[in-house]
mmCIF file of all heavy atoms, coordinates in Angstrom:
data_MODEL
# 
_entry.id   MODEL 
# 
loop_
_atom_site.group_PDB 
_atom_site.id 
_atom_site.type_symbol 
_atom_site.label_atom_id 
_atom_site.label_alt_id 
_atom_site.label_comp_id 
_atom_site.label_asym_id 
_atom_site.label_entity_id 
_atom_site.label_seq_id 
_atom_site.pdbx_PDB_ins_code 
_atom_site.Cartn_x 
_atom_site.Cartn_y 
_atom_site.Cartn_z 
_atom_site.occupancy 
_atom_site.B_iso_or_equiv 
_atom_site.pdbx_formal_charge 
_atom_site.auth_seq_id 
_atom_site.auth_comp_id 
_atom_site.auth_asym_id 
_atom_site.auth_atom_id 
_atom_site.pdbx_PDB_model_num 
ATOM 1   N N   . LEU A 1 1  ? 8.855   7.677  13.596  1.00 0.00 ? 1  LEU A N   1 
ATOM 2   C CA  . LEU A 1 1  ? 7.568   7.557  12.904  1.00 0.00 ? 1  LEU A CA  1 
ATOM 3   C C   . LEU A 1 1  ? 6.952   6.203  13.165  1.00 0.00 ? 1  LEU A C   1 
ATOM 4   O O   . LEU A 1 1  ? 7.593   5.164  13.018  1.00 0.00 ? 1  LEU A O   1 
ATOM 5   C CB  . LEU A 1 1  ? 7.757   7.750  11.398  1.00 0.00 ? 1  LEU A CB  1 
ATOM 6   C CG  . LEU A 1 1  ? 6.478   7.686  10.538  1.00 0.00 ? 1  LEU A CG  1 
ATOM 7   C CD1 . LEU A 1 1  ? 5.486   8.765  10.936  1.00 0.00 ? 1  LEU A CD1 1 
ATOM 8   C CD2 . LEU A 1 1  ? 6.813   7.791  9.059   1.00 0.00 ? 1  LEU A CD2 1 
ATOM 9   N N   . LEU A 1 2  ? 5.682   6.214  13.583  1.00 0.00 ? 2  LEU A N   1 
ATOM 10  C CA  . LEU A 1 2  ? 4.940   4.982  13.846  1.00 0.00 ? 2  LEU A CA  1 
ATOM 11  C C   . LEU A 1 2  ? 3.697   4.937  12.953  1.00 0.00 ? 2  LEU A C   1 
ATOM 12  O O   . LEU A 1 2  ? 2.971   5.929  12.857  1.00 0.00 ? 2  LEU A O   1 
ATOM 13  C CB  . LEU A 1 2  ? 4.510   4.894  15.310  1.00 0.00 ? 2  LEU A CB  1 
ATOM 14  C CG  . LEU A 1 2  ? 5.528   4.316  16.301  1.00 0.00 ? 2  LEU A CG  1 
ATOM 15  C CD1 . LEU A 1 2  ? 6.715   5.246  16.469  1.00 0.00 ? 2  LEU A CD1 1 
ATOM 16  C CD2 . LEU A 1 2  ? 4.870   4.094  17.650  1.00 0.00 ? 2  LEU A CD2 1 
ATOM 17  N N   . SER A 1 3  ? 3.476   3.778  12.339  1.00 0.00 ? 3  SER A N   1 
ATOM 18  C CA  . SER A 1 3  ? 2.259   3.573  11.530  1.00 0.00 ? 3  SER A CA  1 
ATOM 19  C C   . SER A 1 3  ? 1.292   2.717  12.306  1.00 0.00 ? 3  SER A C   1 
ATOM 20  O O   . SER A 1 3  ? 1.661   1.656  12.836  1.00 0.00 ? 3  SER A O   1 
ATOM 21  C CB  . SER A 1 3  ? 2.630   2.863  10.210  1.00 0.00 ? 3  SER A CB  1 
ATOM 22  O OG  . SER A 1 3  ? 1.473   2.383  9.569   1.00 0.00 ? 3  SER A OG  1 
ATOM 23  N N   . SER A 1 4  ? 0.032   3.168  12.379  1.00 0.00 ? 4  SER A N   1 
ATOM 24  C CA  . SER A 1 4  ? -0.971  2.432  13.182  1.00 0.00 ? 4  SER A CA  1 
ATOM 25  C C   . SER A 1 4  ? -1.568  1.240  12.437  1.00 0.00 ? 4  SER A C   1 
ATOM 26  O O   . SER A 1 4  ? -2.589  0.699  12.837  1.00 0.00 ? 4  SER A O   1 
ATOM 27  C CB  . SER A 1 4  ? -2.074  3.379  13.659  1.00 0.00 ? 4  SER A CB  1 
ATOM 28  O OG  . SER A 1 4  ? -2.829  3.843  12.563  1.00 0.00 ? 4  SER A OG  1 
ATOM 29  N N   . CYS A 1 5  ? -0.932  0.839  11.340  1.00 0.00 ? 5  CYS A N   1 
ATOM 30  C CA  . CYS A 1 5  ? -1.329  -0.407 10.664  1.00 0.00 ? 5  CYS A CA  1 
ATOM 31  C C   . CYS A 1 5  ? -0.083  -1.052 10.084  1.00 0.00 ? 5  CYS A C   1 
ATOM 32  O O   . CYS A 1 5  ? 0.974   -0.412 9.981   1.00 0.00 ? 5  CYS A O   1 
ATOM 33  C CB  . CYS A 1 5  ? -2.365  -0.137 9.570   1.00 0.00 ? 5  CYS A CB  1 
ATOM 34  S SG  . CYS A 1 5  ? -1.700  0.624  8.078   1.00 0.00 ? 5  CYS A SG  1 
ATOM 35  N N   . PRO A 1 6  ? -0.158  -2.323 9.692   1.00 0.00 ? 6  PRO A N   1 
ATOM 36  C CA  . PRO A 1 6  ? 1.006   -3.003 9.102   1.00 0.00 ? 6  PRO A CA  1 
ATOM 37  C C   . PRO A 1 6  ? 1.381   -2.401 7.744   1.00 0.00 ? 6  PRO A C   1 
ATOM 38  O O   . PRO A 1 6  ? 0.633   -1.572 7.200   1.00 0.00 ? 6  PRO A O   1 
ATOM 39  C CB  . PRO A 1 6  ? 0.510   -4.456 8.946   1.00 0.00 ? 6  PRO A CB  1 
ATOM 40  C CG  . PRO A 1 6  ? -0.676  -4.580 9.846   1.00 0.00 ? 6  PRO A CG  1 
ATOM 41  C CD  . PRO A 1 6  ? -1.306  -3.229 9.887   1.00 0.00 ? 6  PRO A CD  1 
ATOM 42  N N   . PRO A 1 7  ? 2.505   -2.809 7.177   1.00 0.00 ? 7  PRO A N   1 
ATOM 43  C CA  . PRO A 1 7  ? 2.909   -2.277 5.867   1.00 0.00 ? 7  PRO A CA  1 
ATOM 44  C C   . PRO A 1 7  ? 1.871   -2.581 4.772   1.00 0.00 ? 7  PRO A C   1 
ATOM 45  O O   . PRO A 1 7  ? 1.367   -3.707 4.677   1.00 0.00 ? 7  PRO A O   1 
ATOM 46  C CB  . PRO A 1 7  ? 4.215   -3.031 5.574   1.00 0.00 ? 7  PRO A CB  1 
ATOM 47  C CG  . PRO A 1 7  ? 4.739   -3.428 6.912   1.00 0.00 ? 7  PRO A CG  1 
ATOM 48  C CD  . PRO A 1 7  ? 3.533   -3.693 7.753   1.00 0.00 ? 7  PRO A CD  1 
ATOM 49  N N   . LEU A 1 8  ? 1.541   -1.558 3.986   1.00 0.00 ? 8  LEU A N   1 
ATOM 50  C CA  . LEU A 1 8  ? 0.602   -1.711 2.873   1.00 0.00 ? 8  LEU A CA  1 
ATOM 51  C C   . LEU A 1 8  ? 1.375   -2.257 1.666   1.00 0.00 ? 8  LEU A C   1 
ATOM 52  O O   . LEU A 1 8  ? 2.170   -1.537 1.052   1.00 0.00 ? 8  LEU A O   1 
ATOM 53  C CB  . LEU A 1 8  ? -0.016  -0.356 2.499   1.00 0.00 ? 8  LEU A CB  1 
ATOM 54  C CG  . LEU A 1 8  ? -1.093  0.188  3.435   1.00 0.00 ? 8  LEU A CG  1 
ATOM 55  C CD1 . LEU A 1 8  ? -1.355  1.648  3.095   1.00 0.00 ? 8  LEU A CD1 1 
ATOM 56  C CD2 . LEU A 1 8  ? -2.370  -0.616 3.291   1.00 0.00 ? 8  LEU A CD2 1 
ATOM 57  N N   . LYS A 1 9  ? 1.121   -3.515 1.320   1.00 0.00 ? 9  LYS A N   1 
ATOM 58  C CA  . LYS A 1 9  ? 1.904   -4.154 0.271   1.00 0.00 ? 9  LYS A CA  1 
ATOM 59  C C   . LYS A 1 9  ? 1.117   -4.471 -0.994  1.00 0.00 ? 9  LYS A C   1 
ATOM 60  O O   . LYS A 1 9  ? 1.684   -4.842 -2.010  1.00 0.00 ? 9  LYS A O   1 
ATOM 61  C CB  . LYS A 1 9  ? 2.519   -5.464 0.804   1.00 0.00 ? 9  LYS A CB  1 
ATOM 62  C CG  . LYS A 1 9  ? 3.545   -5.213 1.907   1.00 0.00 ? 9  LYS A CG  1 
ATOM 63  C CD  . LYS A 1 9  ? 4.228   -6.492 2.308   1.00 0.00 ? 9  LYS A CD  1 
ATOM 64  C CE  . LYS A 1 9  ? 5.338   -6.224 3.341   1.00 0.00 ? 9  LYS A CE  1 
ATOM 65  N NZ  . LYS A 1 9  ? 6.057   -7.453 3.710   1.00 0.00 ? 9  LYS A NZ  1 
ATOM 66  N N   . PHE A 1 10 ? -0.222  -4.344 -0.908  1.00 0.00 ? 10 PHE A N   1 
ATOM 67  C CA  . PHE A 1 10 ? -1.060  -4.726 -2.050  1.00 0.00 ? 10 PHE A CA  1 
ATOM 68  C C   . PHE A 1 10 ? -2.096  -3.648 -2.322  1.00 0.00 ? 10 PHE A C   1 
ATOM 69  O O   . PHE A 1 10 ? -2.648  -3.065 -1.400  1.00 0.00 ? 10 PHE A O   1 
ATOM 70  C CB  . PHE A 1 10 ? -1.744  -6.074 -1.773  1.00 0.00 ? 10 PHE A CB  1 
ATOM 71  C CG  . PHE A 1 10 ? -0.772  -7.190 -1.524  1.00 0.00 ? 10 PHE A CG  1 
ATOM 72  C CD1 . PHE A 1 10 ? -0.351  -7.481 -0.219  1.00 0.00 ? 10 PHE A CD1 1 
ATOM 73  C CD2 . PHE A 1 10 ? -0.251  -7.932 -2.565  1.00 0.00 ? 10 PHE A CD2 1 
ATOM 74  C CE1 . PHE A 1 10 ? 0.568   -8.494 0.029   1.00 0.00 ? 10 PHE A CE1 1 
ATOM 75  C CE2 . PHE A 1 10 ? 0.651   -8.950 -2.337  1.00 0.00 ? 10 PHE A CE2 1 
ATOM 76  C CZ  . PHE A 1 10 ? 1.067   -9.242 -1.039  1.00 0.00 ? 10 PHE A CZ  1 
ATOM 77  N N   . PRO A 1 11 ? -2.411  -3.391 -3.604  1.00 0.00 ? 11 PRO A N   1 
ATOM 78  C CA  . PRO A 1 11 ? -3.413  -2.361 -3.948  1.00 0.00 ? 11 PRO A CA  1 
ATOM 79  C C   . PRO A 1 11 ? -4.823  -2.804 -3.607  1.00 0.00 ? 11 PRO A C   1 
ATOM 80  O O   . PRO A 1 11 ? -5.099  -3.985 -3.429  1.00 0.00 ? 11 PRO A O   1 
ATOM 81  C CB  . PRO A 1 11 ? -3.259  -2.204 -5.474  1.00 0.00 ? 11 PRO A CB  1 
ATOM 82  C CG  . PRO A 1 11 ? -2.101  -3.036 -5.871  1.00 0.00 ? 11 PRO A CG  1 
ATOM 83  C CD  . PRO A 1 11 ? -1.846  -4.032 -4.801  1.00 0.00 ? 11 PRO A CD  1 
ATOM 84  N N   . ASP A 1 12 ? -5.718  -1.821 -3.562  1.00 0.00 ? 12 ASP A N   1 
ATOM 85  C CA  . ASP A 1 12 ? -7.137  -2.094 -3.355  1.00 0.00 ? 12 ASP A CA  1 
ATOM 86  C C   . ASP A 1 12 ? -7.811  -2.149 -4.732  1.00 0.00 ? 12 ASP A C   1 
ATOM 87  O O   . ASP A 1 12 ? -7.635  -1.240 -5.534  1.00 0.00 ? 12 ASP A O   1 
ATOM 88  C CB  . ASP A 1 12 ? -7.765  -0.970 -2.513  1.00 0.00 ? 12 ASP A CB  1 
ATOM 89  C CG  . ASP A 1 12 ? -9.220  -1.243 -2.185  1.00 0.00 ? 12 ASP A CG  1 
ATOM 90  O OD1 . ASP A 1 12 ? -10.067 -1.144 -3.095  1.00 0.00 ? 12 ASP A OD1 1 
ATOM 91  O OD2 . ASP A 1 12 ? -9.516  -1.556 -1.034  1.00 0.00 ? 12 ASP A OD2 1 
ATOM 92  N N   . PHE A 1 13 ? -8.548  -3.220 -4.965  1.00 0.00 ? 13 PHE A N   1 
ATOM 93  C CA  . PHE A 1 13 ? -9.276  -3.332 -6.245  1.00 0.00 ? 13 PHE A CA  1 
ATOM 94  C C   . PHE A 1 13 ? -10.778 -3.272 -6.030  1.00 0.00 ? 13 PHE A C   1 
ATOM 95  O O   . PHE A 1 13 ? -11.557 -3.640 -6.908  1.00 0.00 ? 13 PHE A O   1 
ATOM 96  C CB  . PHE A 1 13 ? -8.904  -4.661 -6.939  1.00 0.00 ? 13 PHE A CB  1 
ATOM 97  C CG  . PHE A 1 13 ? -7.472  -4.693 -7.399  1.00 0.00 ? 13 PHE A CG  1 
ATOM 98  C CD1 . PHE A 1 13 ? -6.550  -5.493 -6.737  1.00 0.00 ? 13 PHE A CD1 1 
ATOM 99  C CD2 . PHE A 1 13 ? -7.035  -3.932 -8.466  1.00 0.00 ? 13 PHE A CD2 1 
ATOM 100 C CE1 . PHE A 1 13 ? -5.222  -5.537 -7.158  1.00 0.00 ? 13 PHE A CE1 1 
ATOM 101 C CE2 . PHE A 1 13 ? -5.709  -3.974 -8.894  1.00 0.00 ? 13 PHE A CE2 1 
ATOM 102 C CZ  . PHE A 1 13 ? -4.804  -4.767 -8.224  1.00 0.00 ? 13 PHE A CZ  1 
ATOM 103 N N   . TYR A 1 14 ? -11.198 -2.828 -4.842  1.00 0.00 ? 14 TYR A N   1 
ATOM 104 C CA  . TYR A 1 14 ? -12.618 -2.846 -4.492  1.00 0.00 ? 14 TYR A CA  1 
ATOM 105 C C   . TYR A 1 14 ? -13.206 -1.453 -4.361  1.00 0.00 ? 14 TYR A C   1 
ATOM 106 O O   . TYR A 1 14 ? -13.864 -1.123 -3.385  1.00 0.00 ? 14 TYR A O   1 
ATOM 107 C CB  . TYR A 1 14 ? -12.824 -3.663 -3.211  1.00 0.00 ? 14 TYR A CB  1 
ATOM 108 C CG  . TYR A 1 14 ? -12.402 -5.111 -3.327  1.00 0.00 ? 14 TYR A CG  1 
ATOM 109 C CD1 . TYR A 1 14 ? -11.778 -5.745 -2.260  1.00 0.00 ? 14 TYR A CD1 1 
ATOM 110 C CD2 . TYR A 1 14 ? -12.633 -5.846 -4.485  1.00 0.00 ? 14 TYR A CD2 1 
ATOM 111 C CE1 . TYR A 1 14 ? -11.396 -7.091 -2.352  1.00 0.00 ? 14 TYR A CE1 1 
ATOM 112 C CE2 . TYR A 1 14 ? -12.253 -7.179 -4.587  1.00 0.00 ? 14 TYR A CE2 1 
ATOM 113 C CZ  . TYR A 1 14 ? -11.633 -7.798 -3.515  1.00 0.00 ? 14 TYR A CZ  1 
ATOM 114 O OH  . TYR A 1 14 ? -11.257 -9.121 -3.616  1.00 0.00 ? 14 TYR A OH  1 
ATOM 115 N N   . GLY A 1 15 ? -12.892 -0.601 -5.330  1.00 0.00 ? 15 GLY A N   1 
ATOM 116 C CA  . GLY A 1 15 ? -13.577 0.691  -5.394  1.00 0.00 ? 15 GLY A CA  1 
ATOM 117 C C   . GLY A 1 15 ? -12.811 1.876  -4.832  1.00 0.00 ? 15 GLY A C   1 
ATOM 118 O O   . GLY A 1 15 ? -13.299 2.996  -4.850  1.00 0.00 ? 15 GLY A O   1 
ATOM 119 N N   . ILE A 1 16 ? -11.594 1.643  -4.339  1.00 0.00 ? 16 ILE A N   1 
ATOM 120 C CA  . ILE A 1 16 ? -10.767 2.745  -3.819  1.00 0.00 ? 16 ILE A CA  1 
ATOM 121 C C   . ILE A 1 16 ? -9.578  2.952  -4.757  1.00 0.00 ? 16 ILE A C   1 
ATOM 122 O O   . ILE A 1 16 ? -8.919  1.990  -5.127  1.00 0.00 ? 16 ILE A O   1 
ATOM 123 C CB  . ILE A 1 16 ? -10.260 2.447  -2.385  1.00 0.00 ? 16 ILE A CB  1 
ATOM 124 C CG1 . ILE A 1 16 ? -11.421 2.135  -1.432  1.00 0.00 ? 16 ILE A CG1 1 
ATOM 125 C CG2 . ILE A 1 16 ? -9.437  3.620  -1.853  1.00 0.00 ? 16 ILE A CG2 1 
ATOM 126 C CD1 . ILE A 1 16 ? -12.369 3.284  -1.163  1.00 0.00 ? 16 ILE A CD1 1 
ATOM 127 N N   . ASP A 1 17 ? -9.330  4.179  -5.117  1.00 0.00 ? 17 ASP A N   1 
ATOM 128 C CA  . ASP A 1 17 ? -8.257  4.482  -6.066  1.00 0.00 ? 17 ASP A CA  1 
ATOM 129 C C   . ASP A 1 17 ? -6.910  4.533  -5.343  1.00 0.00 ? 17 ASP A C   1 
ATOM 130 O O   . ASP A 1 17 ? -6.362  5.596  -5.079  1.00 0.00 ? 17 ASP A O   1 
ATOM 131 C CB  . ASP A 1 17 ? -8.552  5.816  -6.769  1.00 0.00 ? 17 ASP A CB  1 
ATOM 132 C CG  . ASP A 1 17 ? -7.522  6.119  -7.855  1.00 0.00 ? 17 ASP A CG  1 
ATOM 133 O OD1 . ASP A 1 17 ? -6.855  5.172  -8.317  1.00 0.00 ? 17 ASP A OD1 1 
ATOM 134 O OD2 . ASP A 1 17 ? -7.394  7.287  -8.230  1.00 0.00 ? 17 ASP A OD2 1 
ATOM 135 N N   . THR A 1 18 ? -6.371  3.360  -5.013  1.00 0.00 ? 18 THR A N   1 
ATOM 136 C CA  . THR A 1 18 ? -5.043  3.304  -4.396  1.00 0.00 ? 18 THR A CA  1 
ATOM 137 C C   . THR A 1 18 ? -4.003  3.097  -5.481  1.00 0.00 ? 18 THR A C   1 
ATOM 138 O O   . THR A 1 18 ? -4.321  2.678  -6.584  1.00 0.00 ? 18 THR A O   1 
ATOM 139 C CB  . THR A 1 18 ? -4.946  2.181  -3.344  1.00 0.00 ? 18 THR A CB  1 
ATOM 140 O OG1 . THR A 1 18 ? -5.355  0.962  -3.963  1.00 0.00 ? 18 THR A OG1 1 
ATOM 141 C CG2 . THR A 1 18 ? -5.835  2.447  -2.153  1.00 0.00 ? 18 THR A CG2 1 
ATOM 142 N N   . PRO A 1 19 ? -2.729  3.357  -5.187  1.00 0.00 ? 19 PRO A N   1 
ATOM 143 C CA  . PRO A 1 19 ? -1.689  3.252  -6.222  1.00 0.00 ? 19 PRO A CA  1 
ATOM 144 C C   . PRO A 1 19 ? -1.435  1.822  -6.675  1.00 0.00 ? 19 PRO A C   1 
ATOM 145 O O   . PRO A 1 19 ? -1.803  0.853  -6.008  1.00 0.00 ? 19 PRO A O   1 
ATOM 146 C CB  . PRO A 1 19 ? -0.433  3.799  -5.508  1.00 0.00 ? 19 PRO A CB  1 
ATOM 147 C CG  . PRO A 1 19 ? -0.916  4.483  -4.286  1.00 0.00 ? 19 PRO A CG  1 
ATOM 148 C CD  . PRO A 1 19 ? -2.191  3.833  -3.910  1.00 0.00 ? 19 PRO A CD  1 
ATOM 149 N N   . HIS A 1 20 ? -0.764  1.690  -7.835  1.00 0.00 ? 20 HIS A N   1 
ATOM 150 C CA  . HIS A 1 20 ? -0.307  0.383  -8.292  1.00 0.00 ? 20 HIS A CA  1 
ATOM 151 C C   . HIS A 1 20 ? 0.725   -0.141 -7.292  1.00 0.00 ? 20 HIS A C   1 
ATOM 152 O O   . HIS A 1 20 ? 1.384   0.627  -6.582  1.00 0.00 ? 20 HIS A O   1 
ATOM 153 C CB  . HIS A 1 20 ? 0.332   0.501  -9.674  1.00 0.00 ? 20 HIS A CB  1 
ATOM 154 C CG  . HIS A 1 20 ? -0.643  0.922  -10.733 1.00 0.00 ? 20 HIS A CG  1 
ATOM 155 N ND1 . HIS A 1 20 ? -1.683  0.128  -11.133 1.00 0.00 ? 20 HIS A ND1 1 
ATOM 156 C CD2 . HIS A 1 20 ? -0.722  2.064  -11.464 1.00 0.00 ? 20 HIS A CD2 1 
ATOM 157 C CE1 . HIS A 1 20 ? -2.374  0.753  -12.078 1.00 0.00 ? 20 HIS A CE1 1 
ATOM 158 N NE2 . HIS A 1 20 ? -1.814  1.925  -12.292 1.00 0.00 ? 20 HIS A NE2 1 
ATOM 159 N N   . GLN A 1 21 ? 0.894   -1.466 -7.278  1.00 0.00 ? 21 GLN A N   1 
ATOM 160 C CA  . GLN A 1 21 ? 1.800   -2.078 -6.304  1.00 0.00 ? 21 GLN A CA  1 
ATOM 161 C C   . GLN A 1 21 ? 3.224   -1.528 -6.405  1.00 0.00 ? 21 GLN A C   1 
ATOM 162 O O   . GLN A 1 21 ? 3.904   -1.356 -5.387  1.00 0.00 ? 21 GLN A O   1 
ATOM 163 C CB  . GLN A 1 21 ? 1.808   -3.597 -6.471  1.00 0.00 ? 21 GLN A CB  1 
ATOM 164 C CG  . GLN A 1 21 ? 2.481   -4.323 -5.304  1.00 0.00 ? 21 GLN A CG  1 
ATOM 165 C CD  . GLN A 1 21 ? 2.402   -5.814 -5.447  1.00 0.00 ? 21 GLN A CD  1 
ATOM 166 O OE1 . GLN A 1 21 ? 2.371   -6.363 -6.552  1.00 0.00 ? 21 GLN A OE1 1 
ATOM 167 N NE2 . GLN A 1 21 ? 2.386   -6.519 -4.329  1.00 0.00 ? 21 GLN A NE2 1 
ATOM 168 N N   . LYS A 1 22 ? 3.665   -1.210 -7.611  1.00 0.00 ? 22 LYS A N   1 
ATOM 169 C CA  . LYS A 1 22 ? 5.027   -0.691 -7.785  1.00 0.00 ? 22 LYS A CA  1 
ATOM 170 C C   . LYS A 1 22 ? 5.221   0.668  -7.111  1.00 0.00 ? 22 LYS A C   1 
ATOM 171 O O   . LYS A 1 22 ? 6.340   1.111  -6.895  1.00 0.00 ? 22 LYS A O   1 
ATOM 172 C CB  . LYS A 1 22 ? 5.389   -0.615 -9.271  1.00 0.00 ? 22 LYS A CB  1 
ATOM 173 C CG  . LYS A 1 22 ? 4.533   0.346  -10.067 1.00 0.00 ? 22 LYS A CG  1 
ATOM 174 C CD  . LYS A 1 22 ? 4.864   0.255  -11.549 1.00 0.00 ? 22 LYS A CD  1 
ATOM 175 C CE  . LYS A 1 22 ? 3.943   1.201  -12.332 1.00 0.00 ? 22 LYS A CE  1 
ATOM 176 N NZ  . LYS A 1 22 ? 4.074   1.038  -13.784 1.00 0.00 ? 22 LYS A NZ  1 
ATOM 177 N N   . GLN A 1 23 ? 4.090   1.341  -6.798  1.00 0.00 ? 23 GLN A N   1 
ATOM 178 C CA  . GLN A 1 23 ? 4.181   2.635  -6.122  1.00 0.00 ? 23 GLN A CA  1 
ATOM 179 C C   . GLN A 1 23 ? 4.011   2.535  -4.590  1.00 0.00 ? 23 GLN A C   1 
ATOM 180 O O   . GLN A 1 23 ? 4.201   3.517  -3.902  1.00 0.00 ? 23 GLN A O   1 
ATOM 181 C CB  . GLN A 1 23 ? 3.103   3.590  -6.669  1.00 0.00 ? 23 GLN A CB  1 
ATOM 182 C CG  . GLN A 1 23 ? 3.309   3.953  -8.129  1.00 0.00 ? 23 GLN A CG  1 
ATOM 183 C CD  . GLN A 1 23 ? 2.171   4.802  -8.637  1.00 0.00 ? 23 GLN A CD  1 
ATOM 184 O OE1 . GLN A 1 23 ? 1.000   4.407  -8.628  1.00 0.00 ? 23 GLN A OE1 1 
ATOM 185 N NE2 . GLN A 1 23 ? 2.485   6.000  -9.101  1.00 0.00 ? 23 GLN A NE2 1 
ATOM 186 N N   . LEU A 1 24 ? 3.652   1.351  -4.114  1.00 0.00 ? 24 LEU A N   1 
ATOM 187 C CA  . LEU A 1 24 ? 3.510   1.152  -2.665  1.00 0.00 ? 24 LEU A CA  1 
ATOM 188 C C   . LEU A 1 24 ? 4.885   0.888  -2.071  1.00 0.00 ? 24 LEU A C   1 
ATOM 189 O O   . LEU A 1 24 ? 5.512   -0.136 -2.366  1.00 0.00 ? 24 LEU A O   1 
ATOM 190 C CB  . LEU A 1 24 ? 2.579   -0.029 -2.369  1.00 0.00 ? 24 LEU A CB  1 
ATOM 191 C CG  . LEU A 1 24 ? 1.117   0.121  -2.808  1.00 0.00 ? 24 LEU A CG  1 
ATOM 192 C CD1 . LEU A 1 24 ? 0.364   -1.179 -2.615  1.00 0.00 ? 24 LEU A CD1 1 
ATOM 193 C CD2 . LEU A 1 24 ? 0.436   1.254  -2.042  1.00 0.00 ? 24 LEU A CD2 1 
ATOM 194 N N   . ILE A 1 25 ? 5.346   1.787  -1.237  1.00 0.00 ? 25 ILE A N   1 
ATOM 195 C CA  . ILE A 1 25 ? 6.742   1.729  -0.775  1.00 0.00 ? 25 ILE A CA  1 
ATOM 196 C C   . ILE A 1 25 ? 7.037   0.440  -0.009  1.00 0.00 ? 25 ILE A C   1 
ATOM 197 O O   . ILE A 1 25 ? 8.112   -0.155 -0.157  1.00 0.00 ? 25 ILE A O   1 
ATOM 198 C CB  . ILE A 1 25 ? 7.094   2.989  0.059   1.00 0.00 ? 25 ILE A CB  1 
ATOM 199 C CG1 . ILE A 1 25 ? 8.607   3.098  0.237   1.00 0.00 ? 25 ILE A CG1 1 
ATOM 200 C CG2 . ILE A 1 25 ? 6.351   3.012  1.404   1.00 0.00 ? 25 ILE A CG2 1 
ATOM 201 C CD1 . ILE A 1 25 ? 9.077   4.451  0.741   1.00 0.00 ? 25 ILE A CD1 1 
ATOM 202 N N   . ALA A 1 26 ? 6.081   -0.057 0.792   1.00 0.00 ? 26 ALA A N   1 
ATOM 203 C CA  . ALA A 1 26 ? 6.315   -1.264 1.587   1.00 0.00 ? 26 ALA A CA  1 
ATOM 204 C C   . ALA A 1 26 ? 6.357   -2.528 0.734   1.00 0.00 ? 26 ALA A C   1 
ATOM 205 O O   . ALA A 1 26 ? 6.848   -3.568 1.194   1.00 0.00 ? 26 ALA A O   1 
ATOM 206 C CB  . ALA A 1 26 ? 5.251   -1.391 2.663   1.00 0.00 ? 26 ALA A CB  1 
ATOM 207 N N   . ALA A 1 27 ? 5.866   -2.464 -0.509  1.00 0.00 ? 27 ALA A N   1 
ATOM 208 C CA  . ALA A 1 27 ? 5.913   -3.620 -1.402  1.00 0.00 ? 27 ALA A CA  1 
ATOM 209 C C   . ALA A 1 27 ? 7.266   -3.710 -2.096  1.00 0.00 ? 27 ALA A C   1 
ATOM 210 O O   . ALA A 1 27 ? 7.595   -4.739 -2.702  1.00 0.00 ? 27 ALA A O   1 
ATOM 211 C CB  . ALA A 1 27 ? 4.808   -3.527 -2.455  1.00 0.00 ? 27 ALA A CB  1 
ATOM 212 N N   . ASN A 1 28 ? 8.047   -2.640 -2.003  1.00 0.00 ? 28 ASN A N   1 
ATOM 213 C CA  . ASN A 1 28 ? 9.298   -2.579 -2.761  1.00 0.00 ? 28 ASN A CA  1 
ATOM 214 C C   . ASN A 1 28 ? 10.537  -2.313 -1.903  1.00 0.00 ? 28 ASN A C   1 
ATOM 215 O O   . ASN A 1 28 ? 11.648  -2.381 -2.411  1.00 0.00 ? 28 ASN A O   1 
ATOM 216 C CB  . ASN A 1 28 ? 9.172   -1.477 -3.825  1.00 0.00 ? 28 ASN A CB  1 
ATOM 217 C CG  . ASN A 1 28 ? 8.025   -1.737 -4.788  1.00 0.00 ? 28 ASN A CG  1 
ATOM 218 O OD1 . ASN A 1 28 ? 8.148   -2.577 -5.666  1.00 0.00 ? 28 ASN A OD1 1 
ATOM 219 N ND2 . ASN A 1 28 ? 6.903   -1.052 -4.608  1.00 0.00 ? 28 ASN A ND2 1 
ATOM 220 N N   . MET A 1 29 ? 10.345  -2.025 -0.624  1.00 0.00 ? 29 MET A N   1 
ATOM 221 C CA  . MET A 1 29 ? 11.470  -1.775 0.267   1.00 0.00 ? 29 MET A CA  1 
ATOM 222 C C   . MET A 1 29 ? 11.262  -2.486 1.592   1.00 0.00 ? 29 MET A C   1 
ATOM 223 O O   . MET A 1 29 ? 10.125  -2.718 2.010   1.00 0.00 ? 29 MET A O   1 
ATOM 224 C CB  . MET A 1 29 ? 11.617  -0.265 0.586   1.00 0.00 ? 29 MET A CB  1 
ATOM 225 C CG  . MET A 1 29 ? 12.052  0.613  -0.549  1.00 0.00 ? 29 MET A CG  1 
ATOM 226 S SD  . MET A 1 29 ? 12.354  2.307  0.082   1.00 0.00 ? 29 MET A SD  1 
ATOM 227 C CE  . MET A 1 29 ? 12.575  3.196  -1.444  1.00 0.00 ? 29 MET A CE  1 
# 
């Protein structure tokens, strides 16, 4: 599996409903 961007470690607070940081897998593993 290859991801075409770096690990997502921080949520978006600028109008996009992304998960809380504790739910972002790359922020916790």
